[in-house]
Amino acid sequence: MKTLMNQPLSSFNDHFNTNYEHMDLNFQAESQSLWLRMHASPRPCFTHELLSDIQSLFKQFYAMPSKNNPVKYLVAASGVPEVFNLGGDLNRFNKLINDNDREGLNAYALQCVDVVYECSQLVNHGITPIALIQGAALGGGFEAALACKVIVAEKSSQIGFPEILFNLFPGMGAYSFLSRRVTPNVAEKIISSGRMYSGEELYAMGIVDVLAEDGEGENAVNRYIKQNQSRRTSHLAMQQAFIQVNPVTLNEMQAISDIWVDTAMELDERSLRIMQRLVRAQGKKVAVQTDEGQVA
């Protein structure tokens, strides 16, 4: 597999901070694309720290007039082999629920919502967000990808919402963004099944936009950008128009996250035990067998 070579960051560094602890930034000057590779620790999930890094980057985007922004494409990818992102910080969920800390859980949920919503609005700032899924994209990882305007996935990637296995549901954008890509009935089936779908399956359903052979995801992203650069203005305008026709509002997402928090605070001991098993799996990146099924 070919790897991306580092390009000079002069025009990017003139405007942006690049020093982040939980993600690496690689600006490709020729394609005007910024590659964001997540590497949260101790688990490859959306920790508070990773979310804060992303929020900081987005604030820099918004502070700059679109015409002066050297970034035209933001590619969300992973620096962890075989994992795009394993979703919410289940260890944090478990502790907050056990401590009966609804305020803390709500604060985390709203931070997730803010990141996903702002990602979905990047086109209004002249940036097309692209998700590159290589490996597992679970729960919030799938939600983050759905917030991007373009999803590129390798064929054998494992993608889905496992939350139903511990009696919860994905509450940070899954319903909102998935129901804009497929019918509400299909969206509900995907969310309620708890099963993992391959990149190939989701491409056939119209959820994945670009399907890549295993190991060729980066090349597929580069080809997509190259093929569409000459039509970028019209594509960006159409993406902005789509938001107007099919708006996902911050109020909608926050209302759903409130339902998610209320539901999470009512989880029973059995559900919390399953969640804790998944926490261990996040650290090891292995499959966990529950009574209802298997989660990668």
C-alpha atoms as a PDB file:
ATOM      1  CA  MET A   1       0.000   0.000   0.000  1.00  0.00           C
ATOM      2  CA  LYS A   2       1.311   3.410  -0.901  1.00  0.00           C
ATOM      3  CA  THR A   3       1.600   5.870   1.964  1.00  0.00           C
ATOM      4  CA  LEU A   4       1.118   9.604   1.858  1.00  0.00           C
ATOM      5  CA  MET A   5       4.292  11.620   1.768  1.00  0.00           C
ATOM      6  CA  ASN A   6       4.540  14.688   3.962  1.00  0.00           C
ATOM      7  CA  GLN A   7       4.186  17.892   2.048  1.00  0.00           C
ATOM      8  CA  PRO A   8       5.495  21.336   3.013  1.00  0.00           C
ATOM      9  CA  LEU A   9       3.150  22.940   5.506  1.00  0.00           C
ATOM     10  CA  SER A  10       4.132  26.550   4.930  1.00  0.00           C
ATOM     11  CA  SER A  11       0.764  27.928   3.823  1.00  0.00           C
ATOM     12  CA  PHE A  12      -1.038  25.837   6.419  1.00  0.00           C
ATOM     13  CA  ASN A  13       1.315  26.644   9.281  1.00  0.00           C
ATOM     14  CA  ASP A  14       1.006  30.336   8.499  1.00  0.00           C
ATOM     15  CA  HIS A  15      -2.568  30.158   9.726  1.00  0.00           C
ATOM     16  CA  PHE A  16      -3.086  27.081  11.907  1.00  0.00           C
ATOM     17  CA  ASN A  17      -1.816  25.446  15.048  1.00  0.00           C
ATOM     18  CA  THR A  18      -0.640  21.919  14.218  1.00  0.00           C
ATOM     19  CA  ASN A  19       0.424  20.791  17.680  1.00  0.00           C
ATOM     20  CA  TYR A  20      -2.192  18.343  18.926  1.00  0.00           C
ATOM     21  CA  GLU A  21      -1.735  15.445  21.295  1.00  0.00           C
ATOM     22  CA  HIS A  22      -4.482  13.129  20.065  1.00  0.00           C
ATOM     23  CA  MET A  23      -4.415  13.676  16.319  1.00  0.00           C
ATOM     24  CA  ASP A  24      -1.846  14.252  13.592  1.00  0.00           C
ATOM     25  CA  LEU A  25      -2.338  16.790  10.813  1.00  0.00           C
ATOM     26  CA  ASN A  26      -0.813  16.352   7.375  1.00  0.00           C
ATOM     27  CA  PHE A  27      -1.509  19.109   4.837  1.00  0.00           C
ATOM     28  CA  GLN A  28      -1.282  18.090   1.184  1.00  0.00           C
ATOM     29  CA  ALA A  29      -0.568  21.361  -0.605  1.00  0.00           C
ATOM     30  CA  GLU A  30      -1.188  20.128  -4.151  1.00  0.00           C
ATOM     31  CA  SER A  31      -4.712  18.868  -3.401  1.00  0.00           C
ATOM     32  CA  GLN A  32      -5.378  21.465  -0.678  1.00  0.00           C
ATOM     33  CA  SER A  33      -6.406  18.603   1.602  1.00  0.00           C
ATOM     34  CA  LEU A  34      -5.796  18.340   5.322  1.00  0.00           C
ATOM     35  CA  TRP A  35      -5.501  14.788   6.587  1.00  0.00           C
ATOM     36  CA  LEU A  36      -6.554  14.405  10.218  1.00  0.00           C
ATOM     37  CA  ARG A  37      -5.451  11.109  11.741  1.00  0.00           C
ATOM     38  CA  MET A  38      -6.957  10.267  15.109  1.00  0.00           C
ATOM     39  CA  HIS A  39      -4.929   8.376  17.708  1.00  0.00           C
ATOM     40  CA  ALA A  40      -6.772   8.806  20.994  1.00  0.00           C
ATOM     41  CA  SER A  41      -5.396   6.958  24.010  1.00  0.00           C
ATOM     42  CA  PRO A  42      -5.685   4.726  25.927  1.00  0.00           C
ATOM     43  CA  ARG A  43      -8.405   3.531  23.512  1.00  0.00           C
ATOM     44  CA  PRO A  44      -9.082   4.518  19.880  1.00  0.00           C
ATOM     45  CA  CYS A  45     -12.431   6.135  20.670  1.00  0.00           C
ATOM     46  CA  PHE A  46     -13.800   9.663  21.047  1.00  0.00           C
ATOM     47  CA  THR A  47     -12.213  10.677  24.313  1.00  0.00           C
ATOM     48  CA  HIS A  48     -12.827  14.133  25.765  1.00  0.00           C
ATOM     49  CA  GLU A  49      -9.257  15.037  24.804  1.00  0.00           C
ATOM     50  CA  LEU A  50      -9.626  14.024  21.149  1.00  0.00           C
ATOM     51  CA  LEU A  51     -12.935  15.857  20.908  1.00  0.00           C
ATOM     52  CA  SER A  52     -11.299  18.968  22.364  1.00  0.00           C
ATOM     53  CA  ASP A  53      -8.498  18.799  19.786  1.00  0.00           C
ATOM     54  CA  ILE A  54     -11.042  18.601  16.955  1.00  0.00           C
ATOM     55  CA  GLN A  55     -13.074  21.472  18.389  1.00  0.00           C
ATOM     56  CA  SER A  56      -9.939  23.594  18.515  1.00  0.00           C
ATOM     57  CA  LEU A  57      -9.179  22.889  14.853  1.00  0.00           C
ATOM     58  CA  PHE A  58     -12.744  23.709  13.787  1.00  0.00           C
ATOM     59  CA  LYS A  59     -12.607  27.025  15.646  1.00  0.00           C
ATOM     60  CA  GLN A  60      -9.543  27.921  13.588  1.00  0.00           C
ATOM     61  CA  PHE A  61     -11.443  27.112  10.395  1.00  0.00           C
ATOM     62  CA  TYR A  62     -14.365  29.310  11.399  1.00  0.00           C
ATOM     63  CA  ALA A  63     -12.143  32.225  12.401  1.00  0.00           C
ATOM     64  CA  MET A  64     -10.794  32.500   8.855  1.00  0.00           C
ATOM     65  CA  PRO A  65     -12.677  33.750   5.774  1.00  0.00           C
ATOM     66  CA  SER A  66     -13.300  30.827   3.416  1.00  0.00           C
ATOM     67  CA  LYS A  67     -11.457  32.482   0.534  1.00  0.00           C
ATOM     68  CA  ASN A  68      -8.263  32.687   2.627  1.00  0.00           C
ATOM     69  CA  ASN A  69      -8.417  29.136   3.940  1.00  0.00           C
ATOM     70  CA  PRO A  70      -5.793  26.902   2.285  1.00  0.00           C
ATOM     71  CA  VAL A  71      -7.842  23.825   3.252  1.00  0.00           C
ATOM     72  CA  LYS A  72     -10.473  22.753   0.723  1.00  0.00           C
ATOM     73  CA  TYR A  73     -10.837  19.127   1.847  1.00  0.00           C
ATOM     74  CA  LEU A  74     -10.652  17.705   5.360  1.00  0.00           C
ATOM     75  CA  VAL A  75      -9.940  13.969   5.380  1.00  0.00           C
ATOM     76  CA  ALA A  76     -10.854  12.301   8.677  1.00  0.00           C
ATOM     77  CA  ALA A  77      -8.846   9.100   9.046  1.00  0.00           C
ATOM     78  CA  SER A  78      -7.121   7.089  11.740  1.00  0.00           C
ATOM     79  CA  GLY A  79      -3.564   6.624  12.895  1.00  0.00           C
ATOM     80  CA  VAL A  80      -4.491   3.296  14.514  1.00  0.00           C
ATOM     81  CA  PRO A  81      -4.211   0.209  12.269  1.00  0.00           C
ATOM     82  CA  GLU A  82      -7.493  -1.575  11.501  1.00  0.00           C
ATOM     83  CA  VAL A  83      -9.582   0.955  13.432  1.00  0.00           C
ATOM     84  CA  PHE A  84     -11.239   4.143  12.194  1.00  0.00           C
ATOM     85  CA  ASN A  85     -12.832   4.895  15.556  1.00  0.00           C
ATOM     86  CA  LEU A  86     -14.568   2.655  18.089  1.00  0.00           C
ATOM     87  CA  GLY A  87     -17.084   5.308  19.080  1.00  0.00           C
ATOM     88  CA  GLY A  88     -17.946   6.834  22.415  1.00  0.00           C
ATOM     89  CA  ASP A  89     -15.725   6.610  25.468  1.00  0.00           C
ATOM     90  CA  LEU A  90     -17.552   3.696  27.093  1.00  0.00           C
ATOM     91  CA  ASN A  91     -15.266   3.747  30.121  1.00  0.00           C
ATOM     92  CA  ARG A  92     -16.294   7.347  30.765  1.00  0.00           C
ATOM     93  CA  PHE A  93     -19.965   6.446  30.191  1.00  0.00           C
ATOM     94  CA  ASN A  94     -19.762   3.595  32.659  1.00  0.00           C
ATOM     95  CA  LYS A  95     -18.147   5.676  35.390  1.00  0.00           C
ATOM     96  CA  LEU A  96     -20.537   8.623  34.994  1.00  0.00           C
ATOM     97  CA  ILE A  97     -23.581   6.336  35.080  1.00  0.00           C
ATOM     98  CA  ASN A  98     -22.305   4.448  38.123  1.00  0.00           C
ATOM     99  CA  ASP A  99     -21.628   7.782  39.841  1.00  0.00           C
ATOM    100  CA  ASN A 100     -25.141   8.968  38.921  1.00  0.00           C
ATOM    101  CA  ASP A 101     -23.477  11.982  37.289  1.00  0.00           C
ATOM    102  CA  ARG A 102     -26.109  13.037  34.773  1.00  0.00           C
ATOM    103  CA  GLU A 103     -24.568  16.486  34.389  1.00  0.00           C
ATOM    104  CA  GLY A 104     -21.195  15.003  33.452  1.00  0.00           C
ATOM    105  CA  LEU A 105     -22.732  12.560  30.985  1.00  0.00           C
ATOM    106  CA  ASN A 106     -24.772  15.357  29.407  1.00  0.00           C
ATOM    107  CA  ALA A 107     -21.657  17.531  29.053  1.00  0.00           C
ATOM    108  CA  TYR A 108     -19.838  14.723  27.236  1.00  0.00           C
ATOM    109  CA  ALA A 109     -22.850  14.078  24.974  1.00  0.00           C
ATOM    110  CA  LEU A 110     -23.095  17.763  24.062  1.00  0.00           C
ATOM    111  CA  GLN A 111     -19.376  17.859  23.249  1.00  0.00           C
ATOM    112  CA  CYS A 112     -19.851  14.916  20.870  1.00  0.00           C
ATOM    113  CA  VAL A 113     -22.868  16.594  19.297  1.00  0.00           C
ATOM    114  CA  ASP A 114     -20.933  19.824  18.822  1.00  0.00           C
ATOM    115  CA  VAL A 115     -18.087  18.073  16.980  1.00  0.00           C
ATOM    116  CA  VAL A 116     -20.388  16.032  14.734  1.00  0.00           C
ATOM    117  CA  TYR A 117     -22.645  19.000  13.943  1.00  0.00           C
ATOM    118  CA  GLU A 118     -19.751  21.358  13.176  1.00  0.00           C
ATOM    119  CA  CYS A 119     -18.232  18.727  10.902  1.00  0.00           C
ATOM    120  CA  SER A 120     -21.493  18.569   8.974  1.00  0.00           C
ATOM    121  CA  GLN A 121     -21.416  22.352   8.522  1.00  0.00           C
ATOM    122  CA  LEU A 122     -17.856  22.604   7.163  1.00  0.00           C
ATOM    123  CA  VAL A 123     -19.141  22.909   3.590  1.00  0.00           C
ATOM    124  CA  ASN A 124     -20.583  26.288   4.557  1.00  0.00           C
ATOM    125  CA  HIS A 125     -16.991  27.351   5.256  1.00  0.00           C
ATOM    126  CA  GLY A 126     -15.689  26.100   1.897  1.00  0.00           C
ATOM    127  CA  ILE A 127     -14.398  22.736   3.158  1.00  0.00           C
ATOM    128  CA  THR A 128     -15.606  19.316   2.017  1.00  0.00           C
ATOM    129  CA  PRO A 129     -15.198  16.771   4.856  1.00  0.00           C
ATOM    130  CA  ILE A 130     -14.270  13.253   3.727  1.00  0.00           C
ATOM    131  CA  ALA A 131     -14.273  10.203   6.017  1.00  0.00           C
ATOM    132  CA  LEU A 132     -11.778   7.459   5.207  1.00  0.00           C
ATOM    133  CA  ILE A 133     -12.855   4.243   6.930  1.00  0.00           C
ATOM    134  CA  GLN A 134     -10.212   1.541   7.154  1.00  0.00           C
ATOM    135  CA  GLY A 135     -11.128  -1.153   9.639  1.00  0.00           C
ATOM    136  CA  ALA A 136     -13.717  -0.736  12.393  1.00  0.00           C
ATOM    137  CA  ALA A 137     -16.042   2.269  12.636  1.00  0.00           C
ATOM    138  CA  LEU A 138     -18.457   1.656  15.481  1.00  0.00           C
ATOM    139  CA  GLY A 139     -21.107   3.770  17.173  1.00  0.00           C
ATOM    140  CA  GLY A 140     -19.841   7.333  17.369  1.00  0.00           C
ATOM    141  CA  GLY A 141     -17.149   6.463  14.839  1.00  0.00           C
ATOM    142  CA  PHE A 142     -19.861   5.670  12.290  1.00  0.00           C
ATOM    143  CA  GLU A 143     -21.788   8.807  13.321  1.00  0.00           C
ATOM    144  CA  ALA A 144     -18.715  10.966  12.717  1.00  0.00           C
ATOM    145  CA  ALA A 145     -18.280   9.443   9.264  1.00  0.00           C
ATOM    146  CA  LEU A 146     -21.943  10.071   8.432  1.00  0.00           C
ATOM    147  CA  ALA A 147     -21.476  13.760   9.286  1.00  0.00           C
ATOM    148  CA  CYS A 148     -18.942  14.004   6.453  1.00  0.00           C
ATOM    149  CA  LYS A 149     -20.155  14.805   2.949  1.00  0.00           C
ATOM    150  CA  VAL A 150     -18.164  11.948   1.395  1.00  0.00           C
ATOM    151  CA  ILE A 151     -17.537   8.502   2.909  1.00  0.00           C
ATOM    152  CA  VAL A 152     -14.739   6.395   1.458  1.00  0.00           C
ATOM    153  CA  ALA A 153     -14.534   2.876   2.888  1.00  0.00           C
ATOM    154  CA  GLU A 154     -12.424  -0.170   2.184  1.00  0.00           C
ATOM    155  CA  LYS A 155     -14.378  -3.293   1.275  1.00  0.00           C
ATOM    156  CA  SER A 156     -13.837  -5.311   4.438  1.00  0.00           C
ATOM    157  CA  SER A 157     -14.258  -2.420   6.878  1.00  0.00           C
ATOM    158  CA  GLN A 158     -16.626  -3.306   9.729  1.00  0.00           C
ATOM    159  CA  ILE A 159     -19.157  -0.543  10.331  1.00  0.00           C
ATOM    160  CA  GLY A 160     -22.209  -0.403  12.577  1.00  0.00           C
ATOM    161  CA  PHE A 161     -23.983   0.602  15.750  1.00  0.00           C
ATOM    162  CA  PRO A 162     -23.475  -1.874  18.616  1.00  0.00           C
ATOM    163  CA  GLU A 163     -25.304   0.230  21.227  1.00  0.00           C
ATOM    164  CA  ILE A 164     -28.451  -1.928  21.167  1.00  0.00           C
ATOM    165  CA  LEU A 165     -26.370  -4.777  22.626  1.00  0.00           C
ATOM    166  CA  PHE A 166     -26.161  -2.890  25.928  1.00  0.00           C
ATOM    167  CA  ASN A 167     -29.719  -1.541  25.717  1.00  0.00           C
ATOM    168  CA  LEU A 168     -28.814   1.915  24.399  1.00  0.00           C
ATOM    169  CA  PHE A 169     -28.961   3.651  21.021  1.00  0.00           C
ATOM    170  CA  PRO A 170     -26.536   5.917  19.126  1.00  0.00           C
ATOM    171  CA  GLY A 171     -27.600   9.406  20.190  1.00  0.00           C
ATOM    172  CA  MET A 172     -25.109  11.785  18.601  1.00  0.00           C
ATOM    173  CA  GLY A 173     -26.291  11.969  15.006  1.00  0.00           C
ATOM    174  CA  ALA A 174     -26.999   8.441  13.787  1.00  0.00           C
ATOM    175  CA  TYR A 175     -30.730   8.905  13.169  1.00  0.00           C
ATOM    176  CA  SER A 176     -30.281  12.434  11.848  1.00  0.00           C
ATOM    177  CA  PHE A 177     -27.560  11.775   9.285  1.00  0.00           C
ATOM    178  CA  LEU A 178     -28.401   8.203   8.301  1.00  0.00           C
ATOM    179  CA  SER A 179     -32.031   9.104   7.546  1.00  0.00           C
ATOM    180  CA  ARG A 180     -30.754  11.757   5.123  1.00  0.00           C
ATOM    181  CA  ARG A 181     -28.851   9.064   3.188  1.00  0.00           C
ATOM    182  CA  VAL A 182     -31.428   6.256   3.235  1.00  0.00           C
ATOM    183  CA  THR A 183     -35.098   5.936   4.142  1.00  0.00           C
ATOM    184  CA  PRO A 184     -36.023   6.214   7.848  1.00  0.00           C
ATOM    185  CA  ASN A 185     -37.066   2.543   7.831  1.00  0.00           C
ATOM    186  CA  VAL A 186     -33.663   1.414   6.560  1.00  0.00           C
ATOM    187  CA  ALA A 187     -31.921   3.715   9.030  1.00  0.00           C
ATOM    188  CA  GLU A 188     -33.897   2.236  11.923  1.00  0.00           C
ATOM    189  CA  LYS A 189     -33.147  -1.302  10.746  1.00  0.00           C
ATOM    190  CA  ILE A 190     -29.410  -0.596  10.668  1.00  0.00           C
ATOM    191  CA  ILE A 191     -29.443   1.075  14.083  1.00  0.00           C
ATOM    192  CA  SER A 192     -31.644  -1.489  15.822  1.00  0.00           C
ATOM    193  CA  SER A 193     -29.912  -4.562  14.387  1.00  0.00           C
ATOM    194  CA  GLY A 194     -26.650  -4.067  16.284  1.00  0.00           C
ATOM    195  CA  ARG A 195     -24.864  -5.877  13.471  1.00  0.00           C
ATOM    196  CA  MET A 196     -21.678  -4.963  11.682  1.00  0.00           C
ATOM    197  CA  TYR A 197     -21.865  -4.163   7.967  1.00  0.00           C
ATOM    198  CA  SER A 198     -18.972  -4.363   5.556  1.00  0.00           C
ATOM    199  CA  GLY A 199     -17.926  -1.360   3.527  1.00  0.00           C
ATOM    200  CA  GLU A 200     -19.125  -3.280   0.477  1.00  0.00           C
ATOM    201  CA  GLU A 201     -22.607  -3.770   1.937  1.00  0.00           C
ATOM    202  CA  LEU A 202     -23.001  -0.108   2.851  1.00  0.00           C
ATOM    203  CA  TYR A 203     -21.791   0.940  -0.599  1.00  0.00           C
ATOM    204  CA  ALA A 204     -24.532  -1.186  -2.149  1.00  0.00           C
ATOM    205  CA  MET A 205     -27.038   0.563   0.136  1.00  0.00           C
ATOM    206  CA  GLY A 206     -25.836   4.004  -0.962  1.00  0.00           C
ATOM    207  CA  ILE A 207     -24.379   4.944   2.441  1.00  0.00           C
ATOM    208  CA  VAL A 208     -20.730   4.668   1.426  1.00  0.00           C
ATOM    209  CA  ASP A 209     -19.940   6.966  -1.509  1.00  0.00           C
ATOM    210  CA  VAL A 210     -16.618   5.492  -2.682  1.00  0.00           C
ATOM    211  CA  LEU A 211     -15.640   1.844  -2.239  1.00  0.00           C
ATOM    212  CA  ALA A 212     -11.951   0.961  -2.169  1.00  0.00           C
ATOM    213  CA  GLU A 213     -10.084  -2.300  -2.232  1.00  0.00           C
ATOM    214  CA  ASP A 214      -8.539  -3.222   1.092  1.00  0.00           C
ATOM    215  CA  GLY A 215      -5.343  -1.244   1.581  1.00  0.00           C
ATOM    216  CA  GLU A 216      -6.235   1.242  -1.155  1.00  0.00           C
ATOM    217  CA  GLY A 217      -8.324   3.713   0.830  1.00  0.00           C
ATOM    218  CA  GLU A 218      -5.803   6.546   0.746  1.00  0.00           C
ATOM    219  CA  ASN A 219      -5.361   6.205  -3.008  1.00  0.00           C
ATOM    220  CA  ALA A 220      -9.138   6.216  -3.455  1.00  0.00           C
ATOM    221  CA  VAL A 221      -9.416   9.498  -1.526  1.00  0.00           C
ATOM    222  CA  ASN A 222      -6.656  11.061  -3.605  1.00  0.00           C
ATOM    223  CA  ARG A 223      -8.358   9.934  -6.828  1.00  0.00           C
ATOM    224  CA  TYR A 224     -11.688  11.338  -5.668  1.00  0.00           C
ATOM    225  CA  ILE A 225     -10.155  14.731  -4.899  1.00  0.00           C
ATOM    226  CA  LYS A 226      -8.205  14.821  -8.167  1.00  0.00           C
ATOM    227  CA  GLN A 227     -11.240  13.865 -10.240  1.00  0.00           C
ATOM    228  CA  ASN A 228     -13.417  16.502  -8.604  1.00  0.00           C
ATOM    229  CA  GLN A 229     -11.013  19.421  -8.209  1.00  0.00           C
ATOM    230  CA  SER A 230     -12.020  21.015 -11.514  1.00  0.00           C
ATOM    231  CA  ARG A 231     -15.674  20.852 -10.428  1.00  0.00           C
ATOM    232  CA  ARG A 232     -15.104  21.722  -6.783  1.00  0.00           C
ATOM    233  CA  THR A 233     -17.065  24.977  -6.890  1.00  0.00           C
ATOM    234  CA  SER A 234     -20.223  23.341  -8.241  1.00  0.00           C
ATOM    235  CA  HIS A 235     -19.866  20.316  -5.956  1.00  0.00           C
ATOM    236  CA  LEU A 236     -19.469  22.560  -2.917  1.00  0.00           C
ATOM    237  CA  ALA A 237     -22.532  24.563  -3.947  1.00  0.00           C
ATOM    238  CA  MET A 238     -24.573  21.350  -4.315  1.00  0.00           C
ATOM    239  CA  GLN A 239     -23.402  20.170  -0.892  1.00  0.00           C
ATOM    240  CA  GLN A 240     -24.512  23.492   0.588  1.00  0.00           C
ATOM    241  CA  ALA A 241     -27.857  23.193  -1.206  1.00  0.00           C
ATOM    242  CA  PHE A 242     -28.330  19.663   0.169  1.00  0.00           C
ATOM    243  CA  ILE A 243     -27.987  21.048   3.701  1.00  0.00           C
ATOM    244  CA  GLN A 244     -30.730  23.574   2.962  1.00  0.00           C
ATOM    245  CA  VAL A 245     -33.082  20.899   1.598  1.00  0.00           C
ATOM    246  CA  ASN A 246     -32.239  18.277   4.247  1.00  0.00           C
ATOM    247  CA  PRO A 247     -31.130  20.324   7.256  1.00  0.00           C
ATOM    248  CA  VAL A 248     -29.808  18.658  10.399  1.00  0.00           C
ATOM    249  CA  THR A 249     -30.138  21.317  13.068  1.00  0.00           C
ATOM    250  CA  LEU A 250     -28.191  21.619  16.294  1.00  0.00           C
ATOM    251  CA  ASN A 251     -31.496  21.735  18.191  1.00  0.00           C
ATOM    252  CA  GLU A 252     -32.521  18.400  16.664  1.00  0.00           C
ATOM    253  CA  MET A 253     -29.241  16.778  17.656  1.00  0.00           C
ATOM    254  CA  GLN A 254     -29.304  18.194  21.172  1.00  0.00           C
ATOM    255  CA  ALA A 255     -32.881  17.004  21.704  1.00  0.00           C
ATOM    256  CA  ILE A 256     -31.899  13.472  20.674  1.00  0.00           C
ATOM    257  CA  SER A 257     -28.824  13.562  22.911  1.00  0.00           C
ATOM    258  CA  ASP A 258     -31.107  14.475  25.836  1.00  0.00           C
ATOM    259  CA  ILE A 259     -33.088  11.285  25.163  1.00  0.00           C
ATOM    260  CA  TRP A 260     -29.801   9.374  24.973  1.00  0.00           C
ATOM    261  CA  VAL A 261     -28.645  10.721  28.356  1.00  0.00           C
ATOM    262  CA  ASP A 262     -31.983   9.900  30.002  1.00  0.00           C
ATOM    263  CA  THR A 263     -31.814   6.358  28.597  1.00  0.00           C
ATOM    264  CA  ALA A 264     -28.183   5.857  29.595  1.00  0.00           C
ATOM    265  CA  MET A 265     -28.878   6.875  33.184  1.00  0.00           C
ATOM    266  CA  GLU A 266     -31.494   4.102  33.404  1.00  0.00           C
ATOM    267  CA  LEU A 267     -29.219   1.243  32.257  1.00  0.00           C
ATOM    268  CA  ASP A 268     -29.331  -1.824  34.482  1.00  0.00           C
ATOM    269  CA  GLU A 269     -26.413  -3.779  35.918  1.00  0.00           C
ATOM    270  CA  ARG A 270     -26.413  -6.340  33.119  1.00  0.00           C
ATOM    271  CA  SER A 271     -26.184  -3.628  30.443  1.00  0.00           C
ATOM    272  CA  LEU A 272     -23.361  -1.908  32.298  1.00  0.00           C
ATOM    273  CA  ARG A 273     -21.453  -5.204  32.529  1.00  0.00           C
ATOM    274  CA  ILE A 274     -21.729  -5.636  28.756  1.00  0.00           C
ATOM    275  CA  MET A 275     -20.549  -2.060  28.310  1.00  0.00           C
ATOM    276  CA  GLN A 276     -17.533  -2.768  30.516  1.00  0.00           C
ATOM    277  CA  ARG A 277     -16.661  -5.827  28.423  1.00  0.00           C
ATOM    278  CA  LEU A 278     -16.720  -3.577  25.372  1.00  0.00           C
ATOM    279  CA  VAL A 279     -14.397  -1.133  27.166  1.00  0.00           C
ATOM    280  CA  ARG A 280     -11.852  -3.923  27.499  1.00  0.00           C
ATOM    281  CA  ALA A 281     -12.374  -4.796  23.847  1.00  0.00           C
ATOM    282  CA  GLN A 282     -11.735  -1.172  22.847  1.00  0.00           C
ATOM    283  CA  GLY A 283      -8.357  -1.390  24.532  1.00  0.00           C
ATOM    284  CA  LYS A 284      -7.475  -4.693  22.895  1.00  0.00           C
ATOM    285  CA  LYS A 285      -9.296  -4.090  19.584  1.00  0.00           C
ATOM    286  CA  VAL A 286     -10.760  -7.611  19.724  1.00  0.00           C
ATOM    287  CA  ALA A 287     -14.254  -9.024  19.266  1.00  0.00           C
ATOM    288  CA  VAL A 288     -16.604  -9.422  22.213  1.00  0.00           C
ATOM    289  CA  GLN A 289     -19.403 -12.000  22.292  1.00  0.00           C
ATOM    290  CA  THR A 290     -22.607 -10.956  24.050  1.00  0.00           C
ATOM    291  CA  ASP A 291     -25.872 -12.817  24.425  1.00  0.00           C
ATOM    292  CA  GLU A 292     -27.237 -10.883  21.449  1.00  0.00           C
ATOM    293  CA  GLY A 293     -24.270 -11.081  19.128  1.00  0.00           C
ATOM    294  CA  GLN A 294     -20.688 -10.140  18.425  1.00  0.00           C
ATOM    295  CA  VAL A 295     -19.158  -6.681  18.395  1.00  0.00           C
ATOM    296  CA  ALA A 296     -15.739  -5.983  16.896  1.00  0.00           C
END
